[in-house]
Amino acid sequence: MSQLAANKGSKIIKALGVITLIGVIIAVGRIVLKVFNEKNAEPDDSQAGV
């Protein structure tokens, strides 16, 4: 019985780990996209004086 409980707990921990990893990847991706969008929205200063 304890081995069955250990296997069940192990599966739950693995599932939580996968969900956490996916959440971290999504969060980092959103931050990167936000930074790139802000960077592209700024006008280029090189053409302002010409």
Protein backbone atom coordinates (compact mmCIF):
# COMPACT_ATOMS: atom_id res chain seq x y z
CA MET A 1 0.00 0.00 0.00
CA SER A 2 2.81 2.43 0.79
CA GLN A 3 4.44 1.77 -2.56
CA LEU A 4 1.18 2.63 -4.30
CA ALA A 5 0.99 5.89 -2.33
CA ALA A 6 4.62 6.66 -3.17
CA ASN A 7 3.96 6.13 -6.88
CA LYS A 8 0.89 8.34 -6.74
CA GLY A 9 2.82 11.07 -4.91
CA SER A 10 5.65 10.81 -7.39
CA LYS A 11 3.25 11.29 -10.30
CA ILE A 12 1.70 14.34 -8.62
CA ILE A 13 5.13 15.89 -8.01
CA LYS A 14 6.16 15.24 -11.62
CA ALA A 15 2.93 16.81 -12.91
CA LEU A 16 3.41 19.87 -10.69
CA GLY A 17 6.99 20.16 -11.93
CA VAL A 18 5.91 20.07 -15.57
CA ILE A 19 3.16 22.64 -14.96
CA THR A 20 5.61 24.91 -13.13
CA LEU A 21 8.17 24.60 -15.92
CA ILE A 22 5.58 25.50 -18.56
CA GLY A 23 4.46 28.48 -16.47
CA VAL A 24 8.02 29.76 -16.15
CA ILE A 25 8.62 29.39 -19.89
CA ILE A 26 5.42 31.31 -20.68
CA ALA A 27 6.30 34.07 -18.19
CA VAL A 28 9.80 34.50 -19.61
CA GLY A 29 8.43 34.51 -23.15
CA ARG A 30 5.92 37.23 -22.29
CA ILE A 31 8.65 39.37 -20.72
CA VAL A 32 10.91 38.94 -23.75
CA LEU A 33 8.11 39.84 -26.16
CA LYS A 34 7.21 42.88 -24.07
CA VAL A 35 10.82 44.10 -24.15
CA PHE A 36 11.08 43.61 -27.91
CA ASN A 37 7.77 45.42 -28.52
CA GLU A 38 8.87 48.41 -26.43
CA LYS A 39 12.22 48.53 -28.19
CA ASN A 40 10.64 48.52 -31.67
CA ALA A 41 8.13 51.23 -30.76
CA GLU A 42 10.84 53.84 -30.13
CA PRO A 43 11.75 56.04 -33.14
CA ASP A 44 15.27 55.82 -34.48
CA ASP A 45 17.42 58.80 -33.49
CA SER A 46 19.79 58.28 -36.41
CA GLN A 47 17.27 59.63 -38.93
CA ALA A 48 15.99 62.54 -36.82
CA GLY A 49 18.71 65.00 -37.90
CA VAL A 50 18.63 64.23 -41.61
